[in-house]
Amino acid sequence: MLLPMTTLSGQDLRSRDPRLPLHRRLADALTEAIRRGEYSPSDPLPSESEIARTCDVAIGTVRQAMAQLREDGLIERRQGRGTYVRRADFSHSLLRFFRFGDGGEDVPESSILASATVAASAATSRALGLDEGQDVLHLHRVRRLGGRPVVHEDVYLPLPEHEALVALEPGEYPNLLYPLYEERCGVVVVRAGEELTLSSATQRDADVLRCSVGDPVVAVERVTTAVDGRVVEHRLSRGDARTFRYRVEIS
């Protein structure tokens, strides 16, 4: 299904900053439409020829604008299907560093141990841009490879953006969270920043990860951003450092 381009027109483009080239003005207009949620990752964007007709610009201008959006990480071309708003894929961003057995690339199994509405801590408030003590949804999640706990996570979600998840029981959460955010809350995740540090296992870590208090753990803090630029998740992950391996190829 092609979505109507009700907010884009040649007049709109020409009313924008004339110092910018036309393709940049078009890219900015499309970016704003994407961030307003006018285009879903589930539906193809209008074709280049349709955009050119609607905005009264040359097809070359549209191609330059679309190239800019791809470079910005907002859209992707799917072979034989068209161009779509890009969904981020973080399924292996943390777990790729933890290896068991043959070190395969299996997607970890995830389950929610508990969920509750809590008052945001100072750190979570800063990360999400909230007032300290404001209500957030807290999920305690464990991720397993081969049945063995690898990482456990405290996930904090701002309200009311994620209000639709509050009534879910822990067993109703699927393996992956980001598709759930999109389906239930209309929150489309596009990027995240992570910071990794080393720490020591607390009693809580030991209980979940089957390690001993004081064992080394890897702590990862993630701040996740939606397509409209809002910060929509603060995640604190902790994993047994004895299974942690870091490898990078530099060329």
C-alpha atoms as a PDB file:
ATOM      1  CA  MET A   1       0.000   0.000   0.000  1.00  0.00           C
ATOM      2  CA  LEU A   2       1.363   3.404  -0.972  1.00  0.00           C
ATOM      3  CA  LEU A   3       0.766   6.102   1.583  1.00  0.00           C
ATOM      4  CA  PRO A   4      -0.592   9.465   0.397  1.00  0.00           C
ATOM      5  CA  MET A   5       1.868  12.325   0.248  1.00  0.00           C
ATOM      6  CA  THR A   6      -0.494  14.855   1.748  1.00  0.00           C
ATOM      7  CA  THR A   7       2.175  17.035   3.353  1.00  0.00           C
ATOM      8  CA  LEU A   8       4.605  17.364   0.447  1.00  0.00           C
ATOM      9  CA  SER A   9       4.271  19.722  -2.473  1.00  0.00           C
ATOM     10  CA  GLY A  10       6.416  21.829  -4.740  1.00  0.00           C
ATOM     11  CA  GLN A  11       5.163  24.945  -2.969  1.00  0.00           C
ATOM     12  CA  ASP A  12       6.226  23.508   0.391  1.00  0.00           C
ATOM     13  CA  LEU A  13       9.733  22.797  -0.895  1.00  0.00           C
ATOM     14  CA  ARG A  14      10.164  26.224  -2.432  1.00  0.00           C
ATOM     15  CA  SER A  15       9.034  27.929   0.770  1.00  0.00           C
ATOM     16  CA  ARG A  16      11.947  26.355   2.638  1.00  0.00           C
ATOM     17  CA  ASP A  17      15.389  27.900   3.092  1.00  0.00           C
ATOM     18  CA  PRO A  18      16.369  28.979  -0.452  1.00  0.00           C
ATOM     19  CA  ARG A  19      20.054  28.736   0.439  1.00  0.00           C
ATOM     20  CA  LEU A  20      19.727  24.940   0.467  1.00  0.00           C
ATOM     21  CA  PRO A  21      19.778  22.992  -2.798  1.00  0.00           C
ATOM     22  CA  LEU A  22      16.386  21.614  -3.811  1.00  0.00           C
ATOM     23  CA  HIS A  23      17.313  17.981  -3.136  1.00  0.00           C
ATOM     24  CA  ARG A  24      18.348  18.891   0.419  1.00  0.00           C
ATOM     25  CA  ARG A  25      15.024  20.665   0.987  1.00  0.00           C
ATOM     26  CA  LEU A  26      13.202  17.585  -0.305  1.00  0.00           C
ATOM     27  CA  ALA A  27      15.281  15.303   1.935  1.00  0.00           C
ATOM     28  CA  ASP A  28      14.438  17.501   4.935  1.00  0.00           C
ATOM     29  CA  ALA A  29      10.718  17.417   4.108  1.00  0.00           C
ATOM     30  CA  LEU A  30      10.740  13.623   3.769  1.00  0.00           C
ATOM     31  CA  THR A  31      12.697  13.287   7.016  1.00  0.00           C
ATOM     32  CA  GLU A  32      10.090  15.361   8.844  1.00  0.00           C
ATOM     33  CA  ALA A  33       7.270  13.247   7.375  1.00  0.00           C
ATOM     34  CA  ILE A  34       9.014  10.049   8.483  1.00  0.00           C
ATOM     35  CA  ARG A  35       9.544  11.412  11.991  1.00  0.00           C
ATOM     36  CA  ARG A  36       5.875  12.384  12.204  1.00  0.00           C
ATOM     37  CA  GLY A  37       5.034   8.750  11.525  1.00  0.00           C
ATOM     38  CA  GLU A  38       3.417   9.374   8.134  1.00  0.00           C
ATOM     39  CA  TYR A  39       5.336   6.454   6.638  1.00  0.00           C
ATOM     40  CA  SER A  40       5.390   3.053   8.296  1.00  0.00           C
ATOM     41  CA  PRO A  41       8.236   0.534   7.963  1.00  0.00           C
ATOM     42  CA  SER A  42       5.549  -1.943   6.915  1.00  0.00           C
ATOM     43  CA  ASP A  43       4.550   0.004   3.793  1.00  0.00           C
ATOM     44  CA  PRO A  44       6.678   1.144   0.842  1.00  0.00           C
ATOM     45  CA  LEU A  45       7.394   4.814   0.372  1.00  0.00           C
ATOM     46  CA  PRO A  46       5.918   6.462  -2.718  1.00  0.00           C
ATOM     47  CA  SER A  47       7.933   5.789  -5.853  1.00  0.00           C
ATOM     48  CA  GLU A  48      10.530   8.271  -7.039  1.00  0.00           C
ATOM     49  CA  SER A  49       8.325   9.199 -10.001  1.00  0.00           C
ATOM     50  CA  GLU A  50       5.334   9.808  -7.707  1.00  0.00           C
ATOM     51  CA  ILE A  51       7.412  12.033  -5.437  1.00  0.00           C
ATOM     52  CA  ALA A  52       8.707  13.925  -8.478  1.00  0.00           C
ATOM     53  CA  ARG A  53       5.155  14.543  -9.751  1.00  0.00           C
ATOM     54  CA  THR A  54       3.769  15.527  -6.345  1.00  0.00           C
ATOM     55  CA  CYS A  55       6.619  17.914  -5.579  1.00  0.00           C
ATOM     56  CA  ASP A  56       7.085  19.182  -9.140  1.00  0.00           C
ATOM     57  CA  VAL A  57      10.796  18.385  -9.202  1.00  0.00           C
ATOM     58  CA  ALA A  58      13.077  16.452 -11.528  1.00  0.00           C
ATOM     59  CA  ILE A  59      13.567  12.732 -10.953  1.00  0.00           C
ATOM     60  CA  GLY A  60      17.281  13.408 -10.439  1.00  0.00           C
ATOM     61  CA  THR A  61      16.427  15.694  -7.514  1.00  0.00           C
ATOM     62  CA  VAL A  62      14.360  12.914  -5.933  1.00  0.00           C
ATOM     63  CA  ARG A  63      17.179  10.405  -6.361  1.00  0.00           C
ATOM     64  CA  GLN A  64      19.624  12.752  -4.663  1.00  0.00           C
ATOM     65  CA  ALA A  65      17.188  13.252  -1.775  1.00  0.00           C
ATOM     66  CA  MET A  66      16.616   9.508  -1.380  1.00  0.00           C
ATOM     67  CA  ALA A  67      20.365   8.902  -1.429  1.00  0.00           C
ATOM     68  CA  GLN A  68      20.682  11.408   1.416  1.00  0.00           C
ATOM     69  CA  LEU A  69      18.005   9.590   3.446  1.00  0.00           C
ATOM     70  CA  ARG A  70      19.784   6.264   2.909  1.00  0.00           C
ATOM     71  CA  GLU A  71      23.057   7.840   4.016  1.00  0.00           C
ATOM     72  CA  ASP A  72      21.280   9.174   7.119  1.00  0.00           C
ATOM     73  CA  GLY A  73      20.065   5.641   7.890  1.00  0.00           C
ATOM     74  CA  LEU A  74      16.365   6.508   7.631  1.00  0.00           C
ATOM     75  CA  ILE A  75      15.369   4.378   4.641  1.00  0.00           C
ATOM     76  CA  GLU A  76      16.440   1.183   2.912  1.00  0.00           C
ATOM     77  CA  ARG A  77      15.792  -0.388  -0.461  1.00  0.00           C
ATOM     78  CA  ARG A  78      14.339  -3.909  -0.362  1.00  0.00           C
ATOM     79  CA  GLN A  79      15.043  -5.909  -3.483  1.00  0.00           C
ATOM     80  CA  GLY A  80      11.958  -6.233  -5.654  1.00  0.00           C
ATOM     81  CA  ARG A  81       9.710  -4.548  -3.072  1.00  0.00           C
ATOM     82  CA  GLY A  82      10.568  -0.853  -3.024  1.00  0.00           C
ATOM     83  CA  THR A  83      11.956   1.631  -0.517  1.00  0.00           C
ATOM     84  CA  TYR A  84      10.933   1.537   3.149  1.00  0.00           C
ATOM     85  CA  VAL A  85      11.560   3.357   6.402  1.00  0.00           C
ATOM     86  CA  ARG A  86      14.474   1.471   7.905  1.00  0.00           C
ATOM     87  CA  ARG A  87      14.000  -0.708  10.946  1.00  0.00           C
ATOM     88  CA  ALA A  88      17.024  -0.989  13.197  1.00  0.00           C
ATOM     89  CA  ASP A  89      18.338  -4.497  13.923  1.00  0.00           C
ATOM     90  CA  PHE A  90      20.041  -4.778  17.291  1.00  0.00           C
ATOM     91  CA  SER A  91      19.470  -8.499  17.764  1.00  0.00           C
ATOM     92  CA  HIS A  92      23.188  -9.263  17.957  1.00  0.00           C
ATOM     93  CA  SER A  93      24.641  -5.928  19.064  1.00  0.00           C
ATOM     94  CA  LEU A  94      25.357  -7.115  22.609  1.00  0.00           C
ATOM     95  CA  LEU A  95      25.075 -10.906  22.428  1.00  0.00           C
ATOM     96  CA  ARG A  96      27.729 -11.125  19.710  1.00  0.00           C
ATOM     97  CA  PHE A  97      30.311 -10.546  22.456  1.00  0.00           C
ATOM     98  CA  PHE A  98      29.217 -13.561  24.535  1.00  0.00           C
ATOM     99  CA  ARG A  99      30.032 -17.073  23.331  1.00  0.00           C
ATOM    100  CA  PHE A 100      29.176 -20.564  24.523  1.00  0.00           C
ATOM    101  CA  GLY A 101      29.884 -23.986  23.056  1.00  0.00           C
ATOM    102  CA  ASP A 102      30.869 -23.637  19.410  1.00  0.00           C
ATOM    103  CA  GLY A 103      30.420 -19.843  19.428  1.00  0.00           C
ATOM    104  CA  GLY A 104      27.557 -19.940  16.937  1.00  0.00           C
ATOM    105  CA  GLU A 105      25.361 -17.024  15.943  1.00  0.00           C
ATOM    106  CA  ASP A 106      22.033 -18.302  17.318  1.00  0.00           C
ATOM    107  CA  VAL A 107      19.505 -15.649  18.298  1.00  0.00           C
ATOM    108  CA  PRO A 108      19.197 -15.735  22.100  1.00  0.00           C
ATOM    109  CA  GLU A 109      15.974 -16.727  23.802  1.00  0.00           C
ATOM    110  CA  SER A 110      14.516 -13.950  25.927  1.00  0.00           C
ATOM    111  CA  SER A 111      11.966 -13.867  28.702  1.00  0.00           C
ATOM    112  CA  ILE A 112      10.599 -11.192  30.999  1.00  0.00           C
ATOM    113  CA  LEU A 113      11.078 -12.037  34.664  1.00  0.00           C
ATOM    114  CA  ALA A 114       9.031  -9.110  35.984  1.00  0.00           C
ATOM    115  CA  SER A 115       7.315  -5.920  34.834  1.00  0.00           C
ATOM    116  CA  ALA A 116       6.097  -2.971  36.882  1.00  0.00           C
ATOM    117  CA  THR A 117       5.516   0.763  36.792  1.00  0.00           C
ATOM    118  CA  VAL A 118       8.230   2.445  38.867  1.00  0.00           C
ATOM    119  CA  ALA A 119       9.598   5.911  39.567  1.00  0.00           C
ATOM    120  CA  ALA A 120      12.484   6.766  37.249  1.00  0.00           C
ATOM    121  CA  SER A 121      15.902   6.968  38.879  1.00  0.00           C
ATOM    122  CA  ALA A 122      18.131   9.983  38.335  1.00  0.00           C
ATOM    123  CA  ALA A 123      20.136   8.100  35.683  1.00  0.00           C
ATOM    124  CA  THR A 124      17.052   6.915  33.803  1.00  0.00           C
ATOM    125  CA  SER A 125      15.469  10.360  34.018  1.00  0.00           C
ATOM    126  CA  ARG A 126      18.575  11.903  32.441  1.00  0.00           C
ATOM    127  CA  ALA A 127      18.709   9.257  29.723  1.00  0.00           C
ATOM    128  CA  LEU A 128      15.025   9.599  28.804  1.00  0.00           C
ATOM    129  CA  GLY A 129      14.785  13.356  29.323  1.00  0.00           C
ATOM    130  CA  LEU A 130      12.196  13.010  32.101  1.00  0.00           C
ATOM    131  CA  ASP A 131      11.687  14.614  35.479  1.00  0.00           C
ATOM    132  CA  GLU A 132      13.251  12.533  38.229  1.00  0.00           C
ATOM    133  CA  GLY A 133      10.664  10.263  39.802  1.00  0.00           C
ATOM    134  CA  GLN A 134       8.348  10.297  36.781  1.00  0.00           C
ATOM    135  CA  ASP A 135       6.628   6.972  36.135  1.00  0.00           C
ATOM    136  CA  VAL A 136       8.285   4.568  33.687  1.00  0.00           C
ATOM    137  CA  LEU A 137       7.624   0.952  32.778  1.00  0.00           C
ATOM    138  CA  HIS A 138      10.381  -1.342  34.080  1.00  0.00           C
ATOM    139  CA  LEU A 139      11.034  -4.750  32.521  1.00  0.00           C
ATOM    140  CA  HIS A 140      13.506  -7.221  34.016  1.00  0.00           C
ATOM    141  CA  ARG A 141      14.596  -9.477  31.175  1.00  0.00           C
ATOM    142  CA  VAL A 142      16.958 -12.435  30.887  1.00  0.00           C
ATOM    143  CA  ARG A 143      18.546 -13.621  27.643  1.00  0.00           C
ATOM    144  CA  ARG A 144      19.767 -17.191  27.188  1.00  0.00           C
ATOM    145  CA  LEU A 145      21.931 -19.059  24.712  1.00  0.00           C
ATOM    146  CA  GLY A 146      21.595 -22.828  24.711  1.00  0.00           C
ATOM    147  CA  GLY A 147      19.386 -22.543  27.775  1.00  0.00           C
ATOM    148  CA  ARG A 148      22.096 -20.834  29.829  1.00  0.00           C
ATOM    149  CA  PRO A 149      21.606 -17.251  31.091  1.00  0.00           C
ATOM    150  CA  VAL A 150      23.988 -14.912  29.286  1.00  0.00           C
ATOM    151  CA  VAL A 151      22.737 -11.425  30.080  1.00  0.00           C
ATOM    152  CA  HIS A 152      20.034  -9.903  32.218  1.00  0.00           C
ATOM    153  CA  GLU A 153      18.617  -6.479  31.515  1.00  0.00           C
ATOM    154  CA  ASP A 154      16.705  -3.696  33.195  1.00  0.00           C
ATOM    155  CA  VAL A 155      14.670  -1.965  30.500  1.00  0.00           C
ATOM    156  CA  TYR A 156      13.012   1.380  31.285  1.00  0.00           C
ATOM    157  CA  LEU A 157      10.317   2.733  28.964  1.00  0.00           C
ATOM    158  CA  PRO A 158       8.740   6.205  29.189  1.00  0.00           C
ATOM    159  CA  LEU A 159       5.024   6.562  29.797  1.00  0.00           C
ATOM    160  CA  PRO A 160       2.506   7.192  28.340  1.00  0.00           C
ATOM    161  CA  GLU A 161       4.321   6.284  25.086  1.00  0.00           C
ATOM    162  CA  HIS A 162       4.453   2.619  26.134  1.00  0.00           C
ATOM    163  CA  GLU A 163       1.180   2.541  28.074  1.00  0.00           C
ATOM    164  CA  ALA A 164      -0.100  -0.292  25.862  1.00  0.00           C
ATOM    165  CA  LEU A 165       2.506  -2.614  27.398  1.00  0.00           C
ATOM    166  CA  VAL A 166       1.613  -1.978  31.040  1.00  0.00           C
ATOM    167  CA  ALA A 167      -1.185  -4.559  31.136  1.00  0.00           C
ATOM    168  CA  LEU A 168       0.903  -7.337  29.549  1.00  0.00           C
ATOM    169  CA  GLU A 169       1.878 -10.247  31.761  1.00  0.00           C
ATOM    170  CA  PRO A 170       5.579 -11.239  31.678  1.00  0.00           C
ATOM    171  CA  GLY A 171       4.759 -14.383  29.701  1.00  0.00           C
ATOM    172  CA  GLU A 172       3.017 -12.366  26.980  1.00  0.00           C
ATOM    173  CA  TYR A 173       6.185 -10.598  25.841  1.00  0.00           C
ATOM    174  CA  PRO A 174       7.752 -11.962  22.633  1.00  0.00           C
ATOM    175  CA  ASN A 175      11.404 -12.828  22.126  1.00  0.00           C
ATOM    176  CA  LEU A 176      12.209  -9.449  20.535  1.00  0.00           C
ATOM    177  CA  LEU A 177      11.071  -6.158  22.053  1.00  0.00           C
ATOM    178  CA  TYR A 178      11.485  -3.625  19.260  1.00  0.00           C
ATOM    179  CA  PRO A 179       8.852  -5.173  16.958  1.00  0.00           C
ATOM    180  CA  LEU A 180       6.513  -5.146  19.966  1.00  0.00           C
ATOM    181  CA  TYR A 181       7.134  -1.432  20.572  1.00  0.00           C
ATOM    182  CA  GLU A 182       6.204  -0.763  16.956  1.00  0.00           C
ATOM    183  CA  GLU A 183       3.147  -3.022  16.873  1.00  0.00           C
ATOM    184  CA  ARG A 184       1.597  -2.006  20.199  1.00  0.00           C
ATOM    185  CA  CYS A 185       2.877   1.551  20.704  1.00  0.00           C
ATOM    186  CA  GLY A 186       3.740   2.874  17.242  1.00  0.00           C
ATOM    187  CA  VAL A 187       7.354   3.404  18.366  1.00  0.00           C
ATOM    188  CA  VAL A 188       9.804   2.715  15.528  1.00  0.00           C
ATOM    189  CA  VAL A 189      13.385   2.342  16.764  1.00  0.00           C
ATOM    190  CA  VAL A 190      16.094   3.540  14.379  1.00  0.00           C
ATOM    191  CA  ARG A 191      19.296   3.825  16.397  1.00  0.00           C
ATOM    192  CA  ALA A 192      20.927   3.317  19.765  1.00  0.00           C
ATOM    193  CA  GLY A 193      24.096   4.284  21.555  1.00  0.00           C
ATOM    194  CA  GLU A 194      25.857   1.870  23.904  1.00  0.00           C
ATOM    195  CA  GLU A 195      28.548   2.351  26.540  1.00  0.00           C
ATOM    196  CA  LEU A 196      30.409  -0.673  27.907  1.00  0.00           C
ATOM    197  CA  THR A 197      32.119  -0.879  31.309  1.00  0.00           C
ATOM    198  CA  LEU A 198      33.377  -3.612  33.646  1.00  0.00           C
ATOM    199  CA  SER A 199      31.915  -4.263  37.071  1.00  0.00           C
ATOM    200  CA  SER A 200      31.547  -6.923  39.773  1.00  0.00           C
ATOM    201  CA  ALA A 201      28.583  -9.241  40.187  1.00  0.00           C
ATOM    202  CA  THR A 202      26.011  -8.290  42.786  1.00  0.00           C
ATOM    203  CA  GLN A 203      23.805 -10.829  44.532  1.00  0.00           C
ATOM    204  CA  ARG A 204      21.102 -10.070  41.961  1.00  0.00           C
ATOM    205  CA  ASP A 205      23.545 -10.753  39.109  1.00  0.00           C
ATOM    206  CA  ALA A 206      24.638 -13.998  40.753  1.00  0.00           C
ATOM    207  CA  ASP A 207      21.058 -15.195  41.200  1.00  0.00           C
ATOM    208  CA  VAL A 208      20.172 -14.635  37.534  1.00  0.00           C
ATOM    209  CA  LEU A 209      23.465 -15.432  35.774  1.00  0.00           C
ATOM    210  CA  ARG A 210      24.444 -18.400  37.981  1.00  0.00           C
ATOM    211  CA  CYS A 211      27.768 -16.836  38.889  1.00  0.00           C
ATOM    212  CA  SER A 212      29.274 -15.839  42.236  1.00  0.00           C
ATOM    213  CA  VAL A 213      29.075 -12.482  43.952  1.00  0.00           C
ATOM    214  CA  GLY A 214      32.182 -10.525  43.014  1.00  0.00           C
ATOM    215  CA  ASP A 215      32.744 -12.297  39.696  1.00  0.00           C
ATOM    216  CA  PRO A 216      33.543  -9.911  36.826  1.00  0.00           C
ATOM    217  CA  VAL A 217      30.577  -8.735  34.761  1.00  0.00           C
ATOM    218  CA  VAL A 218      30.282  -6.626  31.645  1.00  0.00           C
ATOM    219  CA  ALA A 219      27.799  -3.761  31.992  1.00  0.00           C
ATOM    220  CA  VAL A 220      26.286  -2.119  28.914  1.00  0.00           C
ATOM    221  CA  GLU A 221      24.114   0.993  29.027  1.00  0.00           C
ATOM    222  CA  ARG A 222      21.967   1.601  25.953  1.00  0.00           C
ATOM    223  CA  VAL A 223      19.935   4.680  25.040  1.00  0.00           C
ATOM    224  CA  THR A 224      17.550   4.053  22.160  1.00  0.00           C
ATOM    225  CA  THR A 225      16.048   6.620  19.787  1.00  0.00           C
ATOM    226  CA  ALA A 226      12.883   6.395  17.688  1.00  0.00           C
ATOM    227  CA  VAL A 227      12.402   7.558  14.127  1.00  0.00           C
ATOM    228  CA  ASP A 228      10.900  10.849  15.344  1.00  0.00           C
ATOM    229  CA  GLY A 229      14.017  11.663  17.381  1.00  0.00           C
ATOM    230  CA  ARG A 230      12.567  10.828  20.809  1.00  0.00           C
ATOM    231  CA  VAL A 231      14.571   8.777  23.294  1.00  0.00           C
ATOM    232  CA  VAL A 232      12.284   5.802  23.930  1.00  0.00           C
ATOM    233  CA  GLU A 233      14.291   3.297  25.950  1.00  0.00           C
ATOM    234  CA  HIS A 234      16.983   3.193  28.626  1.00  0.00           C
ATOM    235  CA  ARG A 235      18.489  -0.274  28.984  1.00  0.00           C
ATOM    236  CA  LEU A 236      21.060  -1.558  31.486  1.00  0.00           C
ATOM    237  CA  SER A 237      22.479  -4.979  30.584  1.00  0.00           C
ATOM    238  CA  ARG A 238      24.855  -7.109  32.664  1.00  0.00           C
ATOM    239  CA  GLY A 239      26.592 -10.305  31.558  1.00  0.00           C
ATOM    240  CA  ASP A 240      29.148 -12.742  32.963  1.00  0.00           C
ATOM    241  CA  ALA A 241      32.538 -11.400  31.834  1.00  0.00           C
ATOM    242  CA  ARG A 242      34.090 -14.877  31.888  1.00  0.00           C
ATOM    243  CA  THR A 243      32.204 -15.641  28.683  1.00  0.00           C
ATOM    244  CA  PHE A 244      32.932 -12.260  27.125  1.00  0.00           C
ATOM    245  CA  ARG A 245      35.081 -12.060  23.998  1.00  0.00           C
ATOM    246  CA  TYR A 246      35.830  -8.953  21.980  1.00  0.00           C
ATOM    247  CA  ARG A 247      37.043  -9.221  18.424  1.00  0.00           C
ATOM    248  CA  VAL A 248      37.359  -6.571  15.750  1.00  0.00           C
ATOM    249  CA  GLU A 249      38.984  -6.522  12.345  1.00  0.00           C
ATOM    250  CA  ILE A 250      40.762  -3.309  11.401  1.00  0.00           C
ATOM    251  CA  SER A 251      41.792  -2.565   7.859  1.00  0.00           C
END
